[in-house]
Amino acid sequence: MVITDDFLGGQVADLTAISMAAIVARDGMVAKAAILPLGLAASRLKASERVKYERLFALIEETAFDSGARESAEALIHAKFRDNQIKDLAAELGGTVGPARQRYKAFLDVVKLLAERKISEALFLDEFMDFTRTVAGKLDFGIYSMCLDRLFASERIPLLVKASLLREICKYPPLIRKELITNLLAAPKADEELVRYAREEAANVLTREQLTEIFLFTTLKRAWAAQKERLRPV
């Protein structure tokens, strides 16, 4: 699960993941941002070594969900992956705010009101459900997932509100539910009481098979995090 800043900041290095994001992301800003590292990788190669990237960009041009990503792929192919074309795309992205990010920023204002105790928990939960329908369902699940991770980690959000969010998450479709719950369970600095509640809530509503899958996926995410920590330069 990635957002635009992951690509613009170079946090995502796996070219397979980047290629998939360029093709399947429904948020145009994310899809076009994924084009950048691919274009940069192609631009560093000699023309004779660039064939595989030309095939990849042709595939993106033909199959990407977002029309802007298809147009960007086509432009880079015609420009033969020249640096100036890539810089133009980066500049364009730098001045663009996608619909998912706009909705996310608006939701952060609501989160701030809750943290300042200026709105009720019930009103916040109503806004959260609308945010879920708009962003997770239609625009960008990566931004939605990141937002939930931050809500669960914030000390300014009451534990009762986090518990209410968890109860809603347990009603989600299996793949989405698994992603969000395991993000919390695998978070290194997650609140112990919240993690305990998440396990209890999951045990009450999920089947044994679903619980086993969540346990295994959580273990895998923890292993990934530990590996990244070991590889991080000192």
C-alpha atoms as a PDB file:
ATOM      1  CA  MET A   1       0.000   0.000   0.000  1.00  0.00           C
ATOM      2  CA  VAL A   2       1.686   3.193  -1.195  1.00  0.00           C
ATOM      3  CA  ILE A   3       0.948   6.876  -1.638  1.00  0.00           C
ATOM      4  CA  THR A   4       2.411   9.537  -3.911  1.00  0.00           C
ATOM      5  CA  ASP A   5       5.074  10.695  -1.456  1.00  0.00           C
ATOM      6  CA  ASP A   6       6.528   7.171  -1.325  1.00  0.00           C
ATOM      7  CA  PHE A   7       7.474   7.469  -4.996  1.00  0.00           C
ATOM      8  CA  LEU A   8       8.485  11.127  -5.023  1.00  0.00           C
ATOM      9  CA  GLY A   9      10.683  10.576  -1.966  1.00  0.00           C
ATOM     10  CA  GLY A  10      12.197   7.318  -3.209  1.00  0.00           C
ATOM     11  CA  GLN A  11      10.916   5.174  -0.316  1.00  0.00           C
ATOM     12  CA  VAL A  12       9.731   2.433  -2.694  1.00  0.00           C
ATOM     13  CA  ALA A  13      12.574   0.650  -4.478  1.00  0.00           C
ATOM     14  CA  ASP A  14      10.919  -2.552  -5.700  1.00  0.00           C
ATOM     15  CA  LEU A  15      10.375  -2.025  -9.438  1.00  0.00           C
ATOM     16  CA  THR A  16       7.720  -4.749  -9.574  1.00  0.00           C
ATOM     17  CA  ALA A  17       5.643  -2.992  -6.910  1.00  0.00           C
ATOM     18  CA  ILE A  18       6.169   0.356  -8.639  1.00  0.00           C
ATOM     19  CA  SER A  19       5.056  -1.088 -11.990  1.00  0.00           C
ATOM     20  CA  MET A  20       1.909  -2.542 -10.438  1.00  0.00           C
ATOM     21  CA  ALA A  21       1.098   0.795  -8.813  1.00  0.00           C
ATOM     22  CA  ALA A  22       1.436   2.577 -12.156  1.00  0.00           C
ATOM     23  CA  ILE A  23      -1.055   0.146 -13.688  1.00  0.00           C
ATOM     24  CA  VAL A  24      -3.651  -0.436 -10.967  1.00  0.00           C
ATOM     25  CA  ALA A  25      -3.686   2.790  -8.896  1.00  0.00           C
ATOM     26  CA  ARG A  26      -6.971   4.631  -9.362  1.00  0.00           C
ATOM     27  CA  ASP A  27      -5.647   7.873  -7.908  1.00  0.00           C
ATOM     28  CA  GLY A  28      -4.039   9.584 -10.906  1.00  0.00           C
ATOM     29  CA  MET A  29      -1.427  11.302  -8.767  1.00  0.00           C
ATOM     30  CA  VAL A  30      -0.212   7.967  -7.377  1.00  0.00           C
ATOM     31  CA  ALA A  31      -0.193   6.282 -10.791  1.00  0.00           C
ATOM     32  CA  LYS A  32       1.762   9.108 -12.421  1.00  0.00           C
ATOM     33  CA  ALA A  33       4.185   9.315  -9.487  1.00  0.00           C
ATOM     34  CA  ALA A  34       4.945   5.618  -9.989  1.00  0.00           C
ATOM     35  CA  ILE A  35       6.021   6.428 -13.556  1.00  0.00           C
ATOM     36  CA  LEU A  36       8.878   8.610 -12.286  1.00  0.00           C
ATOM     37  CA  PRO A  37      11.241   6.008 -10.746  1.00  0.00           C
ATOM     38  CA  LEU A  38      10.614   3.711 -13.715  1.00  0.00           C
ATOM     39  CA  GLY A  39      11.492   6.501 -16.123  1.00  0.00           C
ATOM     40  CA  LEU A  40      14.616   7.368 -14.144  1.00  0.00           C
ATOM     41  CA  ALA A  41      15.736   3.728 -14.163  1.00  0.00           C
ATOM     42  CA  ALA A  42      15.238   3.574 -17.943  1.00  0.00           C
ATOM     43  CA  SER A  43      17.052   6.872 -18.532  1.00  0.00           C
ATOM     44  CA  ARG A  44      20.220   5.510 -16.893  1.00  0.00           C
ATOM     45  CA  LEU A  45      20.503   2.675 -19.407  1.00  0.00           C
ATOM     46  CA  LYS A  46      21.998   2.684 -22.879  1.00  0.00           C
ATOM     47  CA  ALA A  47      19.493   2.653 -25.720  1.00  0.00           C
ATOM     48  CA  SER A  48      20.410  -0.971 -26.514  1.00  0.00           C
ATOM     49  CA  GLU A  49      19.658  -2.023 -22.918  1.00  0.00           C
ATOM     50  CA  ARG A  50      16.331  -0.209 -22.637  1.00  0.00           C
ATOM     51  CA  VAL A  51      14.139  -2.737 -24.435  1.00  0.00           C
ATOM     52  CA  LYS A  52      12.549  -4.249 -21.317  1.00  0.00           C
ATOM     53  CA  TYR A  53      11.547  -0.799 -20.067  1.00  0.00           C
ATOM     54  CA  GLU A  54      10.078   0.098 -23.433  1.00  0.00           C
ATOM     55  CA  ARG A  55       7.944  -3.050 -23.245  1.00  0.00           C
ATOM     56  CA  LEU A  56       6.911  -2.205 -19.686  1.00  0.00           C
ATOM     57  CA  PHE A  57       5.911   1.345 -20.604  1.00  0.00           C
ATOM     58  CA  ALA A  58       3.989   0.058 -23.603  1.00  0.00           C
ATOM     59  CA  LEU A  59       2.100  -2.240 -21.218  1.00  0.00           C
ATOM     60  CA  ILE A  60       1.367   0.686 -18.893  1.00  0.00           C
ATOM     61  CA  GLU A  61       0.201   2.767 -21.852  1.00  0.00           C
ATOM     62  CA  GLU A  62      -2.215   0.012 -22.869  1.00  0.00           C
ATOM     63  CA  THR A  63      -3.541  -1.184 -19.504  1.00  0.00           C
ATOM     64  CA  ALA A  64      -3.152   1.465 -16.753  1.00  0.00           C
ATOM     65  CA  PHE A  65      -6.412   2.331 -14.999  1.00  0.00           C
ATOM     66  CA  ASP A  66      -5.608   6.053 -14.996  1.00  0.00           C
ATOM     67  CA  SER A  67      -5.624   7.921 -18.304  1.00  0.00           C
ATOM     68  CA  GLY A  68      -2.971  10.360 -17.050  1.00  0.00           C
ATOM     69  CA  ALA A  69      -0.581   7.484 -16.340  1.00  0.00           C
ATOM     70  CA  ARG A  70      -1.173   6.113 -19.833  1.00  0.00           C
ATOM     71  CA  GLU A  71      -0.422   9.528 -21.359  1.00  0.00           C
ATOM     72  CA  SER A  72       2.729   9.937 -19.242  1.00  0.00           C
ATOM     73  CA  ALA A  73       3.986   6.500 -20.289  1.00  0.00           C
ATOM     74  CA  GLU A  74       3.366   7.331 -23.934  1.00  0.00           C
ATOM     75  CA  ALA A  75       5.173  10.687 -23.606  1.00  0.00           C
ATOM     76  CA  LEU A  76       8.260   9.096 -22.029  1.00  0.00           C
ATOM     77  CA  ILE A  77       8.412   6.435 -24.727  1.00  0.00           C
ATOM     78  CA  HIS A  78       8.328   9.091 -27.465  1.00  0.00           C
ATOM     79  CA  ALA A  79      10.881  11.215 -25.607  1.00  0.00           C
ATOM     80  CA  LYS A  80      13.150   8.150 -25.284  1.00  0.00           C
ATOM     81  CA  PHE A  81      13.203   8.641 -21.491  1.00  0.00           C
ATOM     82  CA  ARG A  82      15.076  11.942 -21.652  1.00  0.00           C
ATOM     83  CA  ASP A  83      15.756  13.652 -18.329  1.00  0.00           C
ATOM     84  CA  ASN A  84      13.920  16.842 -19.265  1.00  0.00           C
ATOM     85  CA  GLN A  85      10.691  14.912 -19.908  1.00  0.00           C
ATOM     86  CA  ILE A  86      10.990  13.180 -16.539  1.00  0.00           C
ATOM     87  CA  LYS A  87      11.649  16.525 -14.803  1.00  0.00           C
ATOM     88  CA  ASP A  88       8.540  17.976 -16.468  1.00  0.00           C
ATOM     89  CA  LEU A  89       6.456  15.120 -15.068  1.00  0.00           C
ATOM     90  CA  ALA A  90       7.953  15.612 -11.600  1.00  0.00           C
ATOM     91  CA  ALA A  91       7.217  19.354 -11.738  1.00  0.00           C
ATOM     92  CA  GLU A  92       3.641  18.647 -12.802  1.00  0.00           C
ATOM     93  CA  LEU A  93       3.132  16.275  -9.891  1.00  0.00           C
ATOM     94  CA  GLY A  94       4.666  18.727  -7.473  1.00  0.00           C
ATOM     95  CA  GLY A  95       1.915  21.235  -8.203  1.00  0.00           C
ATOM     96  CA  THR A  96      -0.988  18.783  -8.218  1.00  0.00           C
ATOM     97  CA  VAL A  97      -3.150  17.572  -5.374  1.00  0.00           C
ATOM     98  CA  GLY A  98      -5.209  14.484  -6.200  1.00  0.00           C
ATOM     99  CA  PRO A  99      -8.794  14.014  -5.000  1.00  0.00           C
ATOM    100  CA  ALA A 100      -7.797  11.385  -2.443  1.00  0.00           C
ATOM    101  CA  ARG A 101      -5.241  13.710  -0.886  1.00  0.00           C
ATOM    102  CA  GLN A 102      -7.745  16.588  -0.841  1.00  0.00           C
ATOM    103  CA  ARG A 103     -10.251  14.428   1.030  1.00  0.00           C
ATOM    104  CA  TYR A 104      -7.511  13.205   3.362  1.00  0.00           C
ATOM    105  CA  LYS A 105      -6.502  16.770   4.241  1.00  0.00           C
ATOM    106  CA  ALA A 106     -10.132  17.655   4.937  1.00  0.00           C
ATOM    107  CA  PHE A 107     -10.447  14.621   7.200  1.00  0.00           C
ATOM    108  CA  LEU A 108      -7.316  15.655   9.117  1.00  0.00           C
ATOM    109  CA  ASP A 109      -9.135  18.864  10.067  1.00  0.00           C
ATOM    110  CA  VAL A 110     -11.866  16.701  11.619  1.00  0.00           C
ATOM    111  CA  VAL A 111      -9.243  14.641  13.457  1.00  0.00           C
ATOM    112  CA  LYS A 112      -7.788  17.863  14.858  1.00  0.00           C
ATOM    113  CA  LEU A 113     -11.221  18.941  16.096  1.00  0.00           C
ATOM    114  CA  LEU A 114     -11.634  15.599  17.862  1.00  0.00           C
ATOM    115  CA  ALA A 115      -8.182  15.864  19.459  1.00  0.00           C
ATOM    116  CA  GLU A 116      -9.098  19.346  20.702  1.00  0.00           C
ATOM    117  CA  ARG A 117     -12.449  18.003  21.993  1.00  0.00           C
ATOM    118  CA  LYS A 118     -14.395  20.400  19.799  1.00  0.00           C
ATOM    119  CA  ILE A 119     -16.617  17.696  18.250  1.00  0.00           C
ATOM    120  CA  SER A 120     -18.258  14.590  19.697  1.00  0.00           C
ATOM    121  CA  GLU A 121     -16.946  11.087  19.143  1.00  0.00           C
ATOM    122  CA  ALA A 122     -20.227  10.201  17.383  1.00  0.00           C
ATOM    123  CA  LEU A 123     -19.778  13.041  14.876  1.00  0.00           C
ATOM    124  CA  PHE A 124     -16.183  11.999  14.296  1.00  0.00           C
ATOM    125  CA  LEU A 125     -17.230   8.420  13.578  1.00  0.00           C
ATOM    126  CA  ASP A 126     -19.842   9.658  11.076  1.00  0.00           C
ATOM    127  CA  GLU A 127     -17.144  11.639   9.310  1.00  0.00           C
ATOM    128  CA  PHE A 128     -14.842   8.627   9.400  1.00  0.00           C
ATOM    129  CA  MET A 129     -17.447   6.462   7.681  1.00  0.00           C
ATOM    130  CA  ASP A 130     -17.872   9.058   4.932  1.00  0.00           C
ATOM    131  CA  PHE A 131     -14.086   9.272   4.567  1.00  0.00           C
ATOM    132  CA  THR A 132     -14.002   5.465   4.274  1.00  0.00           C
ATOM    133  CA  ARG A 133     -16.633   5.379   1.534  1.00  0.00           C
ATOM    134  CA  THR A 134     -14.963   8.171  -0.436  1.00  0.00           C
ATOM    135  CA  VAL A 135     -11.272   7.324  -0.195  1.00  0.00           C
ATOM    136  CA  ALA A 136     -10.987   3.598   0.550  1.00  0.00           C
ATOM    137  CA  GLY A 137     -13.842   2.637  -1.739  1.00  0.00           C
ATOM    138  CA  LYS A 138     -13.218   4.912  -4.713  1.00  0.00           C
ATOM    139  CA  LEU A 139      -9.909   6.760  -4.682  1.00  0.00           C
ATOM    140  CA  ASP A 140      -6.801   5.485  -2.917  1.00  0.00           C
ATOM    141  CA  PHE A 141      -6.652   2.689  -0.364  1.00  0.00           C
ATOM    142  CA  GLY A 142      -2.996   3.454   0.349  1.00  0.00           C
ATOM    143  CA  ILE A 143      -3.833   6.909   1.710  1.00  0.00           C
ATOM    144  CA  TYR A 144      -6.728   5.448   3.697  1.00  0.00           C
ATOM    145  CA  SER A 145      -4.514   2.764   5.232  1.00  0.00           C
ATOM    146  CA  MET A 146      -1.836   5.303   6.127  1.00  0.00           C
ATOM    147  CA  CYS A 147      -4.451   7.531   7.780  1.00  0.00           C
ATOM    148  CA  LEU A 148      -5.722   4.677   9.949  1.00  0.00           C
ATOM    149  CA  ASP A 149      -2.194   3.745  10.990  1.00  0.00           C
ATOM    150  CA  ARG A 150      -1.644   7.325  12.164  1.00  0.00           C
ATOM    151  CA  LEU A 151      -4.969   7.453  13.987  1.00  0.00           C
ATOM    152  CA  PHE A 152      -4.137   4.288  15.910  1.00  0.00           C
ATOM    153  CA  ALA A 153      -0.670   5.604  16.764  1.00  0.00           C
ATOM    154  CA  SER A 154      -1.809   9.064  17.889  1.00  0.00           C
ATOM    155  CA  GLU A 155      -1.856   9.654  21.639  1.00  0.00           C
ATOM    156  CA  ARG A 156      -4.378  12.460  21.106  1.00  0.00           C
ATOM    157  CA  ILE A 157      -7.114  10.131  19.856  1.00  0.00           C
ATOM    158  CA  PRO A 158      -9.133   8.617  22.755  1.00  0.00           C
ATOM    159  CA  LEU A 159      -8.825   4.867  23.180  1.00  0.00           C
ATOM    160  CA  LEU A 160     -12.622   4.493  23.006  1.00  0.00           C
ATOM    161  CA  VAL A 161     -12.624   6.105  19.555  1.00  0.00           C
ATOM    162  CA  LYS A 162      -9.867   3.752  18.389  1.00  0.00           C
ATOM    163  CA  ALA A 163     -11.896   0.821  19.709  1.00  0.00           C
ATOM    164  CA  SER A 164     -14.903   2.022  17.697  1.00  0.00           C
ATOM    165  CA  LEU A 165     -12.741   2.219  14.574  1.00  0.00           C
ATOM    166  CA  LEU A 166     -11.556  -1.333  15.176  1.00  0.00           C
ATOM    167  CA  ARG A 167     -15.125  -2.601  15.452  1.00  0.00           C
ATOM    168  CA  GLU A 168     -15.886  -1.018  12.079  1.00  0.00           C
ATOM    169  CA  ILE A 169     -12.762  -2.524  10.515  1.00  0.00           C
ATOM    170  CA  CYS A 170     -13.812  -6.006  11.631  1.00  0.00           C
ATOM    171  CA  LYS A 171     -16.893  -5.620   9.397  1.00  0.00           C
ATOM    172  CA  TYR A 172     -14.834  -4.876   6.274  1.00  0.00           C
ATOM    173  CA  PRO A 173     -14.224  -7.387   3.429  1.00  0.00           C
ATOM    174  CA  PRO A 174     -11.596 -10.015   4.366  1.00  0.00           C
ATOM    175  CA  LEU A 175      -8.625  -8.681   2.370  1.00  0.00           C
ATOM    176  CA  ILE A 176      -9.081  -5.091   3.537  1.00  0.00           C
ATOM    177  CA  ARG A 177      -9.729  -6.191   7.117  1.00  0.00           C
ATOM    178  CA  LYS A 178      -6.603  -8.346   7.129  1.00  0.00           C
ATOM    179  CA  GLU A 179      -4.420  -5.507   5.837  1.00  0.00           C
ATOM    180  CA  LEU A 180      -5.631  -2.958   8.377  1.00  0.00           C
ATOM    181  CA  ILE A 181      -5.674  -5.215  11.440  1.00  0.00           C
ATOM    182  CA  THR A 182      -2.241  -6.686  10.751  1.00  0.00           C
ATOM    183  CA  ASN A 183      -0.819  -3.174  10.257  1.00  0.00           C
ATOM    184  CA  LEU A 184      -1.870  -2.412  13.825  1.00  0.00           C
ATOM    185  CA  LEU A 185      -0.741  -5.728  15.314  1.00  0.00           C
ATOM    186  CA  ALA A 186       2.660  -5.485  13.613  1.00  0.00           C
ATOM    187  CA  ALA A 187       3.284  -1.809  14.490  1.00  0.00           C
ATOM    188  CA  PRO A 188       6.382  -1.671  16.742  1.00  0.00           C
ATOM    189  CA  LYS A 189       5.059   1.216  18.880  1.00  0.00           C
ATOM    190  CA  ALA A 190       1.390   0.243  19.003  1.00  0.00           C
ATOM    191  CA  ASP A 191      -0.459   0.851  22.270  1.00  0.00           C
ATOM    192  CA  GLU A 192      -0.503  -2.458  24.176  1.00  0.00           C
ATOM    193  CA  GLU A 193      -4.074  -1.978  25.392  1.00  0.00           C
ATOM    194  CA  LEU A 194      -5.274  -1.239  21.856  1.00  0.00           C
ATOM    195  CA  VAL A 195      -3.472  -4.303  20.490  1.00  0.00           C
ATOM    196  CA  ARG A 196      -5.043  -6.449  23.203  1.00  0.00           C
ATOM    197  CA  TYR A 197      -8.477  -5.091  22.353  1.00  0.00           C
ATOM    198  CA  ALA A 198      -7.871  -5.716  18.625  1.00  0.00           C
ATOM    199  CA  ARG A 199      -7.016  -9.345  19.326  1.00  0.00           C
ATOM    200  CA  GLU A 200     -10.091  -9.802  21.508  1.00  0.00           C
ATOM    201  CA  GLU A 201     -12.406  -8.159  18.968  1.00  0.00           C
ATOM    202  CA  ALA A 202     -10.974 -10.217  16.120  1.00  0.00           C
ATOM    203  CA  ALA A 203     -11.377 -13.413  18.163  1.00  0.00           C
ATOM    204  CA  ASN A 204     -15.053 -12.565  18.750  1.00  0.00           C
ATOM    205  CA  VAL A 205     -16.022 -11.990  15.117  1.00  0.00           C
ATOM    206  CA  LEU A 206     -13.605 -13.939  12.925  1.00  0.00           C
ATOM    207  CA  THR A 207     -13.355 -17.630  12.165  1.00  0.00           C
ATOM    208  CA  ARG A 208     -10.407 -19.736  13.285  1.00  0.00           C
ATOM    209  CA  GLU A 209      -9.108 -19.822   9.718  1.00  0.00           C
ATOM    210  CA  GLN A 210      -9.305 -16.026   9.420  1.00  0.00           C
ATOM    211  CA  LEU A 211      -7.546 -15.585  12.760  1.00  0.00           C
ATOM    212  CA  THR A 212      -4.768 -17.949  11.677  1.00  0.00           C
ATOM    213  CA  GLU A 213      -4.286 -15.952   8.478  1.00  0.00           C
ATOM    214  CA  ILE A 214      -4.072 -12.689  10.415  1.00  0.00           C
ATOM    215  CA  PHE A 215      -1.562 -14.217  12.849  1.00  0.00           C
ATOM    216  CA  LEU A 216       0.647 -15.440   9.976  1.00  0.00           C
ATOM    217  CA  PHE A 217       0.428 -12.154   8.080  1.00  0.00           C
ATOM    218  CA  THR A 218       1.271 -10.190  11.236  1.00  0.00           C
ATOM    219  CA  THR A 219       4.311 -12.392  11.798  1.00  0.00           C
ATOM    220  CA  LEU A 220       5.396 -11.814   8.200  1.00  0.00           C
ATOM    221  CA  LYS A 221       5.056  -8.034   8.512  1.00  0.00           C
ATOM    222  CA  ARG A 222       7.106  -8.061  11.699  1.00  0.00           C
ATOM    223  CA  ALA A 223       9.807 -10.047   9.909  1.00  0.00           C
ATOM    224  CA  TRP A 224       9.822  -7.537   7.043  1.00  0.00           C
ATOM    225  CA  ALA A 225      10.126  -4.648   9.506  1.00  0.00           C
ATOM    226  CA  ALA A 226      12.995  -6.371  11.341  1.00  0.00           C
ATOM    227  CA  GLN A 227      14.802  -7.008   8.073  1.00  0.00           C
ATOM    228  CA  LYS A 228      14.457  -3.347   7.028  1.00  0.00           C
ATOM    229  CA  GLU A 229      15.796  -2.285  10.412  1.00  0.00           C
ATOM    230  CA  ARG A 230      18.857  -4.538  10.021  1.00  0.00           C
ATOM    231  CA  LEU A 231      19.541  -3.157   6.533  1.00  0.00           C
ATOM    232  CA  ARG A 232      19.176   0.476   7.590  1.00  0.00           C
ATOM    233  CA  PRO A 233      22.539   2.312   7.430  1.00  0.00           C
ATOM    234  CA  VAL A 234      23.979   3.417  10.766  1.00  0.00           C
END
